């Protein structure tokens, strides 16, 4: 189903090199807001080390954000020492495809990591990429995301029920 991720984790730091290798993932496209940073632009402890470890293991990382606030995205990218694209217009395919060309990987070898079903998961699934849903870092969101959260939480609940069967 286009609304369901291929995998779910509480946060990005739970995504291990072993999991990525088991699923033949060679690159991660990472969302920023409430995936890597909270509303106040705080990067959770251990995130830099997590990214460094994956890069050392040969995993390519790239940020793809819908935000138009380039300064914010650039700051996160610099902390993690990875490239970025902003104002991606997810779930449209163009941002995902652009990053795929940069990463030079097949869609099935790229995982999309994000906290939103209607942007990250739908967009990644439409591009035939491996999708990973993570919980939002914090409850505080921008207004447009707040409007979508109840429906996303309902879909997430149905997804979790389908996994436990």
Protein backbone atom coordinates (compact mmCIF):
# COMPACT_ATOMS: atom_id res chain seq x y z
CA UNK A 1 0.00 0.00 0.00
CA UNK A 2 1.33 3.43 -0.93
CA UNK A 3 0.55 4.81 2.56
CA UNK A 4 2.52 2.14 4.42
CA UNK A 5 6.28 2.25 4.97
CA UNK A 6 8.48 -0.78 4.40
CA UNK A 7 9.87 -0.36 7.94
CA UNK A 8 9.24 1.61 11.13
CA UNK A 9 11.62 2.81 13.84
CA UNK A 10 11.19 5.08 16.86
CA UNK A 11 13.97 7.38 15.60
CA UNK A 12 16.75 7.54 13.00
CA UNK A 13 19.38 6.32 15.46
CA UNK A 14 17.62 2.92 15.61
CA UNK A 15 18.37 2.35 11.91
CA UNK A 16 21.44 0.12 11.97
CA UNK A 17 24.01 -0.81 9.37
CA UNK A 18 22.89 -4.43 9.76
CA UNK A 19 19.29 -3.52 8.90
CA UNK A 20 20.44 -1.51 5.87
CA UNK A 21 22.65 -4.35 4.63
CA UNK A 22 19.88 -6.93 5.11
CA UNK A 23 17.66 -4.79 2.88
CA UNK A 24 20.39 -3.94 0.34
CA UNK A 25 20.19 -0.21 1.15
CA UNK A 26 23.21 1.79 0.01
CA UNK A 27 21.89 5.32 0.58
CA UNK A 28 19.49 7.20 2.85
CA UNK A 29 17.48 10.26 1.90
CA UNK A 30 16.69 12.02 5.17
CA UNK A 31 13.91 14.43 6.04
CA UNK A 32 14.84 17.23 8.46
CA UNK A 33 11.90 18.66 10.43
CA UNK A 34 10.88 16.33 13.26
CA UNK A 35 13.04 13.57 11.75
CA UNK A 36 16.54 14.96 12.36
CA UNK A 37 15.70 18.12 14.35
CA UNK A 38 12.85 19.26 16.56
CA UNK A 39 10.76 22.42 16.15
CA UNK A 40 13.48 24.44 17.92
CA UNK A 41 16.18 23.12 15.55
CA UNK A 42 17.77 20.82 18.15
CA UNK A 43 19.57 17.76 16.83
CA UNK A 44 19.07 14.88 19.32
CA UNK A 45 22.14 13.54 21.06
CA UNK A 46 23.84 10.76 19.15
CA UNK A 47 22.58 11.79 15.70
CA UNK A 48 25.95 13.10 14.47
CA UNK A 49 27.69 9.90 15.63
CA UNK A 50 24.97 7.77 13.98
CA UNK A 51 25.48 9.56 10.65
CA UNK A 52 29.29 9.33 10.90
CA UNK A 53 29.09 5.59 11.60
CA UNK A 54 26.84 4.93 8.59
CA UNK A 55 29.08 7.00 6.31
CA UNK A 56 32.15 5.07 7.55
CA UNK A 57 30.31 1.87 6.61
CA UNK A 58 29.78 3.17 3.05
CA UNK A 59 26.18 4.38 3.34
CA UNK A 60 25.52 7.57 1.38
CA UNK A 61 23.40 10.19 3.17
CA UNK A 62 21.52 13.13 1.66
CA UNK A 63 18.95 15.54 3.11
CA UNK A 64 15.72 16.23 1.22
CA UNK A 65 13.41 18.71 2.91
CA UNK A 66 10.19 20.46 1.97
CA UNK A 67 11.30 23.48 3.96
CA UNK A 68 12.22 26.60 2.05
CA UNK A 69 14.38 27.79 4.98
CA UNK A 70 17.75 27.11 3.41
CA UNK A 71 19.74 28.39 6.41
CA UNK A 72 18.10 25.84 8.73
CA UNK A 73 18.63 22.94 6.31
CA UNK A 74 22.22 24.00 5.60
CA UNK A 75 23.03 24.10 9.35
CA UNK A 76 21.80 20.53 9.83
CA UNK A 77 23.63 19.36 6.71
CA UNK A 78 26.87 20.97 7.92
CA UNK A 79 26.57 19.33 11.34
CA UNK A 80 26.13 15.94 9.67
CA UNK A 81 28.59 16.77 6.86
CA UNK A 82 26.21 15.71 4.09
CA UNK A 83 24.67 17.31 1.00
CA UNK A 84 21.14 18.68 0.96
CA UNK A 85 18.24 19.80 -1.20
CA UNK A 86 15.44 21.99 0.11
CA UNK A 87 11.95 23.04 -1.03
CA UNK A 88 11.52 19.52 -2.42
CA UNK A 89 7.72 19.59 -2.83
CA UNK A 90 7.36 16.05 -1.49
CA UNK A 91 5.45 13.81 -2.29
CA UNK A 92 6.11 14.91 -5.89
CA UNK A 93 8.71 12.68 -7.51
CA UNK A 94 11.07 15.37 -8.81
CA UNK A 95 12.98 15.94 -5.55
CA UNK A 96 13.44 12.24 -4.92
CA UNK A 97 14.57 11.64 -8.51
CA UNK A 98 17.02 14.55 -8.37
CA UNK A 99 18.66 13.14 -5.23
CA UNK A 100 18.67 9.66 -6.77
CA UNK A 101 20.73 11.03 -9.67
CA UNK A 102 23.12 12.72 -7.22
CA UNK A 103 23.50 9.49 -5.21
CA UNK A 104 23.88 7.40 -8.37
CA UNK A 105 21.95 4.47 -6.90
CA UNK A 106 18.97 2.42 -8.08
CA UNK A 107 15.66 3.29 -6.38
CA UNK A 108 15.50 -0.08 -4.58
CA UNK A 109 18.89 0.65 -2.98
CA UNK A 110 17.75 3.99 -1.54
CA UNK A 111 15.72 4.36 1.66
CA UNK A 112 13.63 7.42 2.42
CA UNK A 113 13.57 8.24 6.15
CA UNK A 114 10.92 10.60 7.48
CA UNK A 115 8.23 11.25 10.05
CA UNK A 116 5.36 12.03 7.67
CA UNK A 117 3.29 9.54 5.71
CA UNK A 118 1.81 11.98 3.17
CA UNK A 119 5.16 13.46 2.15
CA UNK A 120 8.09 11.13 2.88
CA UNK A 121 6.41 7.71 2.69
CA UNK A 122 4.02 8.38 -0.20
CA UNK A 123 6.75 10.13 -2.20
CA UNK A 124 9.30 7.39 -1.57
CA UNK A 125 6.81 4.63 -2.40
CA UNK A 126 5.81 6.40 -5.63
CA UNK A 127 9.49 6.39 -6.63
CA UNK A 128 9.83 2.67 -5.78
CA UNK A 129 12.30 3.42 -2.98
CA UNK A 130 12.48 1.68 0.40
CA UNK A 131 10.51 3.77 2.92
CA UNK A 132 11.23 4.06 6.64
CA UNK A 133 8.82 5.86 8.95
CA UNK A 134 10.13 7.27 12.23
CA UNK A 135 8.22 8.86 15.07
CA UNK A 136 8.30 12.66 15.16
CA UNK A 137 10.99 13.92 17.53
CA UNK A 138 8.53 16.25 19.26
CA UNK A 139 4.79 16.92 19.33
CA UNK A 140 5.23 20.52 18.23
CA UNK A 141 4.85 20.91 14.45
CA UNK A 142 4.23 23.57 11.87
CA UNK A 143 0.52 24.24 11.31
CA UNK A 144 0.15 22.32 8.04
CA UNK A 145 1.67 19.20 9.58
CA UNK A 146 -0.54 19.52 12.66
CA UNK A 147 -3.58 19.32 10.40
CA UNK A 148 -2.38 16.02 8.88
CA UNK A 149 -1.12 14.30 12.05
CA UNK A 150 -4.45 12.80 13.24
CA UNK A 151 -5.01 11.06 9.90
CA UNK A 152 -1.36 9.98 9.73
CA UNK A 153 -1.62 8.57 13.26
CA UNK A 154 -4.71 6.59 12.22
CA UNK A 155 -2.85 5.15 9.20
CA UNK A 156 0.19 4.40 11.37
CA UNK A 157 -2.03 2.54 13.84
CA UNK A 158 -3.51 0.42 11.01
CA UNK A 159 0.01 -0.26 9.71
CA UNK A 160 1.19 -1.40 13.16
CA UNK A 161 -1.86 -3.67 13.47
CA UNK A 162 -1.11 -5.23 10.07
CA UNK A 163 2.49 -5.94 11.15
CA UNK A 164 1.39 -7.71 14.33
CA UNK A 165 -0.82 -10.20 12.47
